[in-house]
Amino acid sequence: MILCPFCGFDELIEGADTCEQCEQALTDVFIRAPAKGIEASLLHDTVGALPAHPPVEVGGEVSLSMALKTMVERRIGCLLVVNEDRLVGIFSERDALIRLGVNAKDLHDQPLVKFMTPNPMVVSTHDKVAVAIHRMAVGGYRHLPVMDGERPVSLISIRDILRYLTEHSGTSAA
């Protein structure tokens, strides 16, 4: 039986993100002690240590053609869809390929909200890099919005994670 270290709730599922009773974050509770080197870095460094890329935000009412044009012009892989400074969705290259396919031309005047992924998985600047990697791997995501409360403040990509891993792989395990 696993107990919540905050409230003592005794029906926790190992690996749960929050306690069902007190709703405290449990992200670090089930993490074993790291070995040295890159493993320690992944469990110590936070998402805030990764490069901060300002997200490109659009409203859900923007047309699909305008969204695609913005992505091409800015050479970016996704747009964050916001409503009154609150993240409501994400639209990525993968959404365009899977949801539009060869019909993109016929759908160009439709609102982006019809094609976005609603309620995307997110991280905060205080989450560990290991948490971001886990969320990307489990969800099959290449981009994660970085949040400050309800407001997106940055965006990280799998490229940022790979660069981080490359930079830290030289860390001695001795």
N, C-alpha and C. Protein backbone atom coordinates (compact mmCIF):
# COMPACT_ATOMS: atom_id res chain seq x y z
N MET A 1 0.84 -1.18 0.00
CA MET A 1 0.00 0.00 0.00
C MET A 1 0.89 1.25 0.00
N ILE A 2 0.54 2.22 -0.81
CA ILE A 2 1.32 3.44 -0.92
C ILE A 2 0.55 4.57 -0.26
N LEU A 3 1.24 5.31 0.60
CA LEU A 3 0.62 6.42 1.33
C LEU A 3 1.03 7.75 0.73
N CYS A 4 0.09 8.70 0.73
CA CYS A 4 0.40 10.06 0.34
C CYS A 4 1.26 10.68 1.44
N PRO A 5 2.42 11.25 1.11
CA PRO A 5 3.26 11.84 2.15
C PRO A 5 2.69 13.13 2.73
N PHE A 6 1.65 13.68 2.10
CA PHE A 6 1.07 14.94 2.56
C PHE A 6 -0.13 14.74 3.47
N CYS A 7 -1.04 13.80 3.10
CA CYS A 7 -2.27 13.64 3.87
C CYS A 7 -2.47 12.23 4.42
N GLY A 8 -1.61 11.29 4.02
CA GLY A 8 -1.73 9.93 4.51
C GLY A 8 -2.72 9.05 3.77
N PHE A 9 -3.34 9.57 2.72
CA PHE A 9 -4.29 8.78 1.93
C PHE A 9 -3.60 7.49 1.51
N ASP A 10 -4.27 6.34 1.73
CA ASP A 10 -3.59 5.06 1.57
C ASP A 10 -4.00 4.24 0.34
N GLU A 11 -4.61 4.88 -0.64
CA GLU A 11 -5.01 4.15 -1.83
C GLU A 11 -4.39 4.75 -3.09
N LEU A 12 -3.16 5.24 -2.96
CA LEU A 12 -2.47 5.83 -4.11
C LEU A 12 -2.03 4.75 -5.08
N ILE A 13 -2.10 5.09 -6.34
CA ILE A 13 -1.57 4.23 -7.38
C ILE A 13 -0.16 4.71 -7.67
N GLU A 14 0.82 3.79 -7.62
CA GLU A 14 2.20 4.19 -7.87
C GLU A 14 2.33 4.85 -9.24
N GLY A 15 2.97 6.01 -9.25
CA GLY A 15 3.15 6.76 -10.49
C GLY A 15 2.10 7.83 -10.71
N ALA A 16 1.10 7.94 -9.83
CA ALA A 16 0.06 8.96 -9.97
C ALA A 16 0.68 10.35 -9.88
N ASP A 17 0.14 11.30 -10.66
CA ASP A 17 0.66 12.67 -10.66
C ASP A 17 0.20 13.47 -9.45
N THR A 18 -1.01 13.18 -8.96
CA THR A 18 -1.55 13.90 -7.81
C THR A 18 -2.28 12.94 -6.89
N CYS A 19 -2.38 13.32 -5.63
CA CYS A 19 -3.14 12.54 -4.65
C CYS A 19 -4.63 12.78 -4.91
N GLU A 20 -5.39 11.71 -4.94
CA GLU A 20 -6.83 11.83 -5.19
C GLU A 20 -7.55 12.58 -4.07
N GLN A 21 -7.02 12.51 -2.86
CA GLN A 21 -7.69 13.13 -1.73
C GLN A 21 -7.30 14.60 -1.53
N CYS A 22 -5.99 14.87 -1.41
CA CYS A 22 -5.56 16.25 -1.10
C CYS A 22 -5.11 17.02 -2.35
N GLU A 23 -5.00 16.34 -3.49
CA GLU A 23 -4.64 16.92 -4.77
C GLU A 23 -3.24 17.53 -4.79
N GLN A 24 -2.37 17.11 -3.88
CA GLN A 24 -0.98 17.56 -3.89
C GLN A 24 -0.24 16.87 -5.03
N ALA A 25 0.71 17.58 -5.63
CA ALA A 25 1.51 17.02 -6.72
C ALA A 25 2.43 15.94 -6.16
N LEU A 26 2.44 14.80 -6.84
CA LEU A 26 3.27 13.67 -6.42
C LEU A 26 4.36 13.35 -7.44
N THR A 27 4.66 14.30 -8.30
CA THR A 27 5.58 14.02 -9.41
C THR A 27 6.92 13.49 -8.94
N ASP A 28 7.44 13.98 -7.85
CA ASP A 28 8.76 13.56 -7.37
C ASP A 28 8.71 12.43 -6.35
N VAL A 29 7.54 12.09 -5.84
CA VAL A 29 7.43 11.14 -4.74
C VAL A 29 7.89 9.74 -5.12
N PHE A 30 7.55 9.27 -6.31
CA PHE A 30 7.85 7.90 -6.69
C PHE A 30 9.14 7.75 -7.48
N ILE A 31 9.91 8.82 -7.57
CA ILE A 31 11.15 8.77 -8.32
C ILE A 31 12.25 8.20 -7.43
N ARG A 32 12.91 7.15 -7.93
CA ARG A 32 13.99 6.54 -7.17
C ARG A 32 15.20 7.47 -7.17
N ALA A 33 16.09 7.24 -6.24
CA ALA A 33 17.30 8.05 -6.17
C ALA A 33 18.09 7.88 -7.46
N PRO A 34 18.50 8.99 -8.06
CA PRO A 34 19.20 8.89 -9.35
C PRO A 34 20.64 8.44 -9.20
N ALA A 35 21.12 7.83 -10.26
CA ALA A 35 22.56 7.57 -10.36
C ALA A 35 23.20 8.92 -10.68
N LYS A 36 24.50 8.92 -10.87
CA LYS A 36 25.16 10.18 -11.20
C LYS A 36 25.00 10.48 -12.68
N GLY A 37 25.48 11.63 -13.10
CA GLY A 37 25.50 11.98 -14.52
C GLY A 37 24.16 12.45 -15.03
N ILE A 38 23.84 12.01 -16.24
CA ILE A 38 22.66 12.51 -16.93
C ILE A 38 21.37 12.15 -16.19
N GLU A 39 21.35 10.98 -15.56
CA GLU A 39 20.15 10.58 -14.83
C GLU A 39 19.87 11.56 -13.69
N ALA A 40 20.91 11.97 -12.99
CA ALA A 40 20.74 12.94 -11.91
C ALA A 40 20.29 14.28 -12.46
N SER A 41 20.84 14.68 -13.61
CA SER A 41 20.45 15.95 -14.22
C SER A 41 18.98 15.94 -14.59
N LEU A 42 18.51 14.85 -15.17
CA LEU A 42 17.10 14.76 -15.58
C LEU A 42 16.16 14.89 -14.40
N LEU A 43 16.57 14.39 -13.25
CA LEU A 43 15.71 14.42 -12.06
C LEU A 43 15.94 15.66 -11.20
N HIS A 44 16.96 16.43 -11.54
CA HIS A 44 17.25 17.65 -10.77
C HIS A 44 16.84 18.91 -11.53
N ASP A 45 17.23 18.98 -12.81
CA ASP A 45 16.97 20.18 -13.60
C ASP A 45 15.48 20.32 -13.91
N THR A 46 15.04 21.56 -13.96
CA THR A 46 13.63 21.82 -14.25
C THR A 46 13.46 22.28 -15.70
N VAL A 47 12.23 22.25 -16.14
CA VAL A 47 11.90 22.70 -17.49
C VAL A 47 12.36 24.14 -17.70
N GLY A 48 12.40 24.91 -16.64
CA GLY A 48 12.88 26.29 -16.72
C GLY A 48 14.33 26.39 -17.18
N ALA A 49 15.10 25.30 -17.09
CA ALA A 49 16.49 25.29 -17.53
C ALA A 49 16.60 25.10 -19.04
N LEU A 50 15.52 24.68 -19.68
CA LEU A 50 15.52 24.49 -21.13
C LEU A 50 15.35 25.84 -21.83
N PRO A 51 15.75 25.93 -23.10
CA PRO A 51 15.56 27.20 -23.82
C PRO A 51 14.08 27.59 -23.84
N ALA A 52 13.83 28.86 -23.61
CA ALA A 52 12.45 29.37 -23.62
C ALA A 52 12.13 29.91 -25.01
N HIS A 53 11.16 29.29 -25.65
CA HIS A 53 10.70 29.76 -26.95
C HIS A 53 9.33 30.40 -26.76
N PRO A 54 9.21 31.68 -27.06
CA PRO A 54 7.89 32.31 -26.90
C PRO A 54 6.89 31.60 -27.81
N PRO A 55 5.75 31.21 -27.28
CA PRO A 55 4.77 30.53 -28.11
C PRO A 55 4.09 31.50 -29.07
N VAL A 56 3.71 30.99 -30.22
CA VAL A 56 2.91 31.77 -31.15
C VAL A 56 1.46 31.40 -30.86
N GLU A 57 0.69 32.39 -30.47
CA GLU A 57 -0.69 32.16 -30.05
C GLU A 57 -1.67 32.71 -31.08
N VAL A 58 -2.76 31.99 -31.24
CA VAL A 58 -3.86 32.43 -32.09
C VAL A 58 -5.17 32.10 -31.38
N GLY A 59 -6.23 32.74 -31.83
CA GLY A 59 -7.56 32.43 -31.32
C GLY A 59 -8.15 31.26 -32.11
N GLY A 60 -9.08 30.57 -31.52
CA GLY A 60 -9.71 29.42 -32.17
C GLY A 60 -10.53 29.78 -33.39
N GLU A 61 -10.90 31.05 -33.51
CA GLU A 61 -11.73 31.48 -34.64
C GLU A 61 -10.91 31.77 -35.89
N VAL A 62 -9.57 31.81 -35.77
CA VAL A 62 -8.74 32.08 -36.93
C VAL A 62 -8.95 30.95 -37.95
N SER A 63 -8.88 31.30 -39.23
CA SER A 63 -9.12 30.30 -40.27
C SER A 63 -7.96 29.32 -40.36
N LEU A 64 -8.26 28.14 -40.82
CA LEU A 64 -7.25 27.12 -41.02
C LEU A 64 -6.15 27.62 -41.95
N SER A 65 -6.52 28.30 -43.02
CA SER A 65 -5.51 28.78 -43.97
C SER A 65 -4.59 29.81 -43.32
N MET A 66 -5.13 30.68 -42.47
CA MET A 66 -4.31 31.68 -41.78
C MET A 66 -3.37 30.98 -40.79
N ALA A 67 -3.86 29.96 -40.12
CA ALA A 67 -3.02 29.22 -39.17
C ALA A 67 -1.86 28.54 -39.90
N LEU A 68 -2.17 27.87 -41.00
CA LEU A 68 -1.12 27.20 -41.76
C LEU A 68 -0.12 28.20 -42.33
N LYS A 69 -0.62 29.32 -42.82
CA LYS A 69 0.25 30.37 -43.36
C LYS A 69 1.20 30.88 -42.28
N THR A 70 0.68 31.10 -41.08
CA THR A 70 1.49 31.57 -39.96
C THR A 70 2.59 30.56 -39.63
N MET A 71 2.23 29.28 -39.60
CA MET A 71 3.23 28.25 -39.30
C MET A 71 4.33 28.21 -40.36
N VAL A 72 3.96 28.32 -41.62
CA VAL A 72 4.94 28.29 -42.70
C VAL A 72 5.83 29.53 -42.65
N GLU A 73 5.22 30.71 -42.51
CA GLU A 73 5.99 31.95 -42.49
C GLU A 73 6.97 32.02 -41.32
N ARG A 74 6.55 31.51 -40.18
CA ARG A 74 7.40 31.58 -38.98
C ARG A 74 8.29 30.35 -38.82
N ARG A 75 8.08 29.39 -39.70
CA ARG A 75 8.87 28.15 -39.67
C ARG A 75 8.77 27.47 -38.31
N ILE A 76 7.53 27.27 -37.86
CA ILE A 76 7.28 26.64 -36.56
C ILE A 76 6.40 25.41 -36.74
N GLY A 77 6.45 24.51 -35.79
CA GLY A 77 5.72 23.26 -35.88
C GLY A 77 4.38 23.24 -35.21
N CYS A 78 4.05 24.31 -34.45
CA CYS A 78 2.73 24.32 -33.81
C CYS A 78 2.32 25.73 -33.39
N LEU A 79 1.04 25.87 -33.18
CA LEU A 79 0.44 27.11 -32.67
C LEU A 79 -0.31 26.77 -31.39
N LEU A 80 -0.27 27.67 -30.42
CA LEU A 80 -1.10 27.51 -29.24
C LEU A 80 -2.40 28.27 -29.46
N VAL A 81 -3.50 27.62 -29.18
CA VAL A 81 -4.80 28.23 -29.35
C VAL A 81 -5.26 28.72 -27.98
N VAL A 82 -5.45 30.03 -27.87
CA VAL A 82 -5.81 30.64 -26.59
C VAL A 82 -7.14 31.38 -26.70
N ASN A 83 -7.80 31.46 -25.58
CA ASN A 83 -9.05 32.19 -25.46
C ASN A 83 -8.98 32.97 -24.16
N GLU A 84 -8.96 34.30 -24.25
CA GLU A 84 -8.86 35.16 -23.08
C GLU A 84 -7.66 34.78 -22.22
N ASP A 85 -6.49 34.67 -22.85
CA ASP A 85 -5.23 34.34 -22.19
C ASP A 85 -5.20 32.96 -21.55
N ARG A 86 -6.14 32.10 -21.90
CA ARG A 86 -6.19 30.74 -21.36
C ARG A 86 -5.96 29.76 -22.50
N LEU A 87 -5.06 28.80 -22.29
CA LEU A 87 -4.77 27.80 -23.30
C LEU A 87 -5.96 26.86 -23.46
N VAL A 88 -6.46 26.74 -24.68
CA VAL A 88 -7.59 25.84 -24.94
C VAL A 88 -7.23 24.72 -25.90
N GLY A 89 -6.10 24.87 -26.61
CA GLY A 89 -5.73 23.82 -27.55
C GLY A 89 -4.38 24.08 -28.17
N ILE A 90 -3.97 23.13 -28.99
CA ILE A 90 -2.72 23.24 -29.74
C ILE A 90 -2.99 22.70 -31.14
N PHE A 91 -2.37 23.33 -32.12
CA PHE A 91 -2.49 22.87 -33.50
C PHE A 91 -1.08 22.66 -34.01
N SER A 92 -0.79 21.43 -34.41
CA SER A 92 0.57 21.08 -34.83
C SER A 92 0.59 20.57 -36.27
N GLU A 93 1.79 20.40 -36.77
CA GLU A 93 1.97 19.82 -38.10
C GLU A 93 1.29 18.45 -38.16
N ARG A 94 1.39 17.70 -37.09
CA ARG A 94 0.78 16.37 -37.04
C ARG A 94 -0.75 16.48 -37.13
N ASP A 95 -1.33 17.48 -36.47
CA ASP A 95 -2.78 17.70 -36.59
C ASP A 95 -3.15 17.97 -38.04
N ALA A 96 -2.33 18.77 -38.71
CA ALA A 96 -2.61 19.10 -40.11
C ALA A 96 -2.56 17.85 -40.98
N LEU A 97 -1.57 17.02 -40.77
CA LEU A 97 -1.45 15.80 -41.58
C LEU A 97 -2.57 14.81 -41.30
N ILE A 98 -2.85 14.59 -40.04
CA ILE A 98 -3.83 13.56 -39.67
C ILE A 98 -5.27 14.03 -39.88
N ARG A 99 -5.57 15.25 -39.46
CA ARG A 99 -6.96 15.71 -39.50
C ARG A 99 -7.37 16.32 -40.83
N LEU A 100 -6.41 16.83 -41.58
CA LEU A 100 -6.73 17.49 -42.83
C LEU A 100 -6.41 16.62 -44.03
N GLY A 101 -5.21 16.06 -44.01
CA GLY A 101 -4.78 15.24 -45.12
C GLY A 101 -4.86 16.01 -46.43
N VAL A 102 -5.36 15.36 -47.45
CA VAL A 102 -5.43 15.98 -48.78
C VAL A 102 -6.63 16.93 -48.90
N ASN A 103 -7.46 17.03 -47.87
CA ASN A 103 -8.64 17.89 -47.91
C ASN A 103 -8.38 19.31 -47.42
N ALA A 104 -7.14 19.66 -47.14
CA ALA A 104 -6.82 20.97 -46.57
C ALA A 104 -7.36 22.12 -47.41
N LYS A 105 -7.25 22.01 -48.71
CA LYS A 105 -7.71 23.08 -49.59
C LYS A 105 -9.21 23.33 -49.44
N ASP A 106 -9.98 22.27 -49.28
CA ASP A 106 -11.44 22.39 -49.14
C ASP A 106 -11.85 22.94 -47.77
N LEU A 107 -10.95 22.86 -46.81
CA LEU A 107 -11.28 23.25 -45.43
C LEU A 107 -10.64 24.58 -45.04
N HIS A 108 -10.00 25.27 -45.97
CA HIS A 108 -9.18 26.44 -45.67
C HIS A 108 -9.90 27.55 -44.93
N ASP A 109 -11.21 27.68 -45.10
CA ASP A 109 -11.93 28.78 -44.45
C ASP A 109 -12.57 28.37 -43.11
N GLN A 110 -12.39 27.13 -42.71
CA GLN A 110 -12.96 26.63 -41.45
C GLN A 110 -12.16 27.17 -40.26
N PRO A 111 -12.81 27.32 -39.10
CA PRO A 111 -12.08 27.81 -37.92
C PRO A 111 -11.11 26.75 -37.38
N LEU A 112 -9.98 27.20 -36.92
CA LEU A 112 -8.93 26.32 -36.41
C LEU A 112 -9.42 25.44 -35.27
N VAL A 113 -10.35 25.94 -34.49
CA VAL A 113 -10.83 25.20 -33.32
C VAL A 113 -11.37 23.81 -33.71
N LYS A 114 -11.80 23.63 -34.94
CA LYS A 114 -12.32 22.34 -35.40
C LYS A 114 -11.21 21.30 -35.58
N PHE A 115 -9.97 21.75 -35.71
CA PHE A 115 -8.87 20.85 -36.05
C PHE A 115 -7.78 20.75 -34.98
N MET A 116 -7.86 21.60 -33.97
CA MET A 116 -6.84 21.60 -32.93
C MET A 116 -7.00 20.40 -32.01
N THR A 117 -5.98 20.15 -31.22
CA THR A 117 -6.07 19.18 -30.14
C THR A 117 -6.48 19.95 -28.90
N PRO A 118 -7.68 19.69 -28.35
CA PRO A 118 -8.11 20.45 -27.18
C PRO A 118 -7.40 19.98 -25.91
N ASN A 119 -7.32 20.87 -24.94
CA ASN A 119 -6.75 20.55 -23.62
C ASN A 119 -5.42 19.80 -23.72
N PRO A 120 -4.42 20.40 -24.31
CA PRO A 120 -3.15 19.69 -24.49
C PRO A 120 -2.43 19.43 -23.18
N MET A 121 -1.60 18.41 -23.18
CA MET A 121 -0.74 18.12 -22.04
C MET A 121 0.24 19.28 -21.91
N VAL A 122 0.52 19.69 -20.69
CA VAL A 122 1.40 20.83 -20.44
C VAL A 122 2.39 20.50 -19.33
N VAL A 123 3.37 21.37 -19.16
CA VAL A 123 4.30 21.31 -18.03
C VAL A 123 4.44 22.72 -17.48
N SER A 124 4.98 22.81 -16.27
CA SER A 124 5.28 24.13 -15.71
C SER A 124 6.79 24.29 -15.69
N THR A 125 7.25 25.50 -15.47
CA THR A 125 8.69 25.75 -15.42
C THR A 125 9.33 25.01 -14.25
N HIS A 126 8.54 24.63 -13.25
CA HIS A 126 9.06 23.96 -12.05
C HIS A 126 9.10 22.44 -12.19
N ASP A 127 8.45 21.89 -13.22
CA ASP A 127 8.49 20.44 -13.44
C ASP A 127 9.91 20.02 -13.83
N LYS A 128 10.27 18.82 -13.44
CA LYS A 128 11.58 18.28 -13.80
C LYS A 128 11.61 17.95 -15.29
N VAL A 129 12.80 17.99 -15.88
CA VAL A 129 12.97 17.64 -17.29
C VAL A 129 12.48 16.21 -17.51
N ALA A 130 12.70 15.33 -16.55
CA ALA A 130 12.24 13.94 -16.67
C ALA A 130 10.72 13.87 -16.84
N VAL A 131 10.00 14.75 -16.18
CA VAL A 131 8.54 14.78 -16.30
C VAL A 131 8.15 15.18 -17.72
N ALA A 132 8.82 16.17 -18.28
CA ALA A 132 8.53 16.60 -19.65
C ALA A 132 8.80 15.47 -20.64
N ILE A 133 9.92 14.77 -20.46
CA ILE A 133 10.24 13.65 -21.34
C ILE A 133 9.17 12.56 -21.23
N HIS A 134 8.77 12.27 -20.01
CA HIS A 134 7.73 11.25 -19.79
C HIS A 134 6.42 11.62 -20.48
N ARG A 135 6.00 12.86 -20.31
CA ARG A 135 4.74 13.29 -20.93
C ARG A 135 4.82 13.25 -22.45
N MET A 136 5.96 13.65 -23.00
CA MET A 136 6.13 13.59 -24.45
C MET A 136 6.10 12.15 -24.94
N ALA A 137 6.78 11.27 -24.23
CA ALA A 137 6.86 9.87 -24.65
C ALA A 137 5.50 9.18 -24.56
N VAL A 138 4.82 9.35 -23.44
CA VAL A 138 3.53 8.69 -23.25
C VAL A 138 2.49 9.20 -24.23
N GLY A 139 2.46 10.51 -24.46
CA GLY A 139 1.45 11.09 -25.34
C GLY A 139 1.84 11.11 -26.81
N GLY A 140 3.10 10.85 -27.10
CA GLY A 140 3.56 10.93 -28.49
C GLY A 140 3.63 12.36 -28.99
N TYR A 141 3.93 13.29 -28.07
CA TYR A 141 3.96 14.71 -28.42
C TYR A 141 5.37 15.15 -28.80
N ARG A 142 5.44 16.12 -29.68
CA ARG A 142 6.73 16.72 -30.03
C ARG A 142 6.84 18.13 -29.46
N HIS A 143 5.75 18.67 -28.95
CA HIS A 143 5.74 20.01 -28.36
C HIS A 143 4.94 19.98 -27.06
N LEU A 144 5.40 20.73 -26.07
CA LEU A 144 4.66 20.89 -24.82
C LEU A 144 4.63 22.37 -24.45
N PRO A 145 3.44 22.91 -24.21
CA PRO A 145 3.37 24.28 -23.68
C PRO A 145 3.88 24.31 -22.24
N VAL A 146 4.61 25.36 -21.91
CA VAL A 146 5.09 25.58 -20.56
C VAL A 146 4.20 26.65 -19.95
N MET A 147 3.62 26.33 -18.82
CA MET A 147 2.58 27.18 -18.24
C MET A 147 3.02 27.89 -16.96
N ASP A 148 2.40 29.04 -16.76
CA ASP A 148 2.46 29.76 -15.50
C ASP A 148 1.00 29.92 -15.11
N GLY A 149 0.49 29.00 -14.32
CA GLY A 149 -0.94 28.96 -14.03
C GLY A 149 -1.70 28.54 -15.28
N GLU A 150 -2.67 29.34 -15.70
CA GLU A 150 -3.46 29.05 -16.89
C GLU A 150 -2.85 29.64 -18.15
N ARG A 151 -1.78 30.40 -18.00
CA ARG A 151 -1.20 31.16 -19.10
C ARG A 151 0.04 30.47 -19.67
N PRO A 152 0.08 30.22 -20.99
CA PRO A 152 1.29 29.67 -21.59
C PRO A 152 2.38 30.74 -21.66
N VAL A 153 3.58 30.40 -21.20
CA VAL A 153 4.67 31.36 -21.19
C VAL A 153 5.81 30.96 -22.12
N SER A 154 5.83 29.69 -22.51
CA SER A 154 6.90 29.19 -23.36
C SER A 154 6.43 27.92 -24.03
N LEU A 155 7.30 27.38 -24.86
CA LEU A 155 7.01 26.14 -25.56
C LEU A 155 8.31 25.36 -25.66
N ILE A 156 8.28 24.08 -25.34
CA ILE A 156 9.46 23.25 -25.52
C ILE A 156 9.15 22.19 -26.57
N SER A 157 10.20 21.76 -27.25
CA SER A 157 10.02 20.76 -28.29
C SER A 157 10.95 19.58 -28.01
N ILE A 158 10.71 18.52 -28.73
CA ILE A 158 11.58 17.35 -28.60
C ILE A 158 13.01 17.72 -28.99
N ARG A 159 13.15 18.67 -29.88
CA ARG A 159 14.49 19.15 -30.26
C ARG A 159 15.21 19.76 -29.05
N ASP A 160 14.48 20.50 -28.21
CA ASP A 160 15.08 21.07 -26.99
C ASP A 160 15.53 19.96 -26.05
N ILE A 161 14.71 18.92 -25.94
CA ILE A 161 15.04 17.79 -25.07
C ILE A 161 16.28 17.07 -25.59
N LEU A 162 16.33 16.83 -26.90
CA LEU A 162 17.50 16.16 -27.48
C LEU A 162 18.77 16.98 -27.30
N ARG A 163 18.65 18.28 -27.46
CA ARG A 163 19.81 19.17 -27.26
C ARG A 163 20.26 19.10 -25.80
N TYR A 164 19.31 19.12 -24.88
CA TYR A 164 19.61 19.01 -23.45
C TYR A 164 20.34 17.69 -23.17
N LEU A 165 19.82 16.59 -23.70
CA LEU A 165 20.43 15.28 -23.47
C LEU A 165 21.84 15.23 -24.05
N THR A 166 22.03 15.80 -25.22
CA THR A 166 23.36 15.83 -25.85
C THR A 166 24.34 16.62 -24.98
N GLU A 167 23.91 17.77 -24.52
CA GLU A 167 24.79 18.62 -23.70
C GLU A 167 25.15 17.95 -22.36
N HIS A 168 24.21 17.17 -21.81
CA HIS A 168 24.45 16.56 -20.50
C HIS A 168 25.01 15.14 -20.59
N SER A 169 25.09 14.58 -21.76
CA SER A 169 25.59 13.22 -21.89
C SER A 169 27.09 13.14 -21.62
N GLY A 170 27.77 14.25 -21.72
CA GLY A 170 29.21 14.29 -21.44
C GLY A 170 29.50 14.35 -19.96
N THR A 171 28.46 14.52 -19.14
CA THR A 171 28.65 14.61 -17.69
C THR A 171 29.21 13.29 -17.17
N SER A 172 30.23 13.38 -16.41
CA SER A 172 30.88 12.17 -15.89
C SER A 172 29.98 11.43 -14.92
N ALA A 173 29.97 10.12 -15.00
CA ALA A 173 29.18 9.28 -14.11
C ALA A 173 30.03 8.83 -12.93
N ALA A 174 31.21 9.37 -12.78
CA ALA A 174 32.11 8.96 -11.70
C ALA A 174 31.80 9.62 -10.40
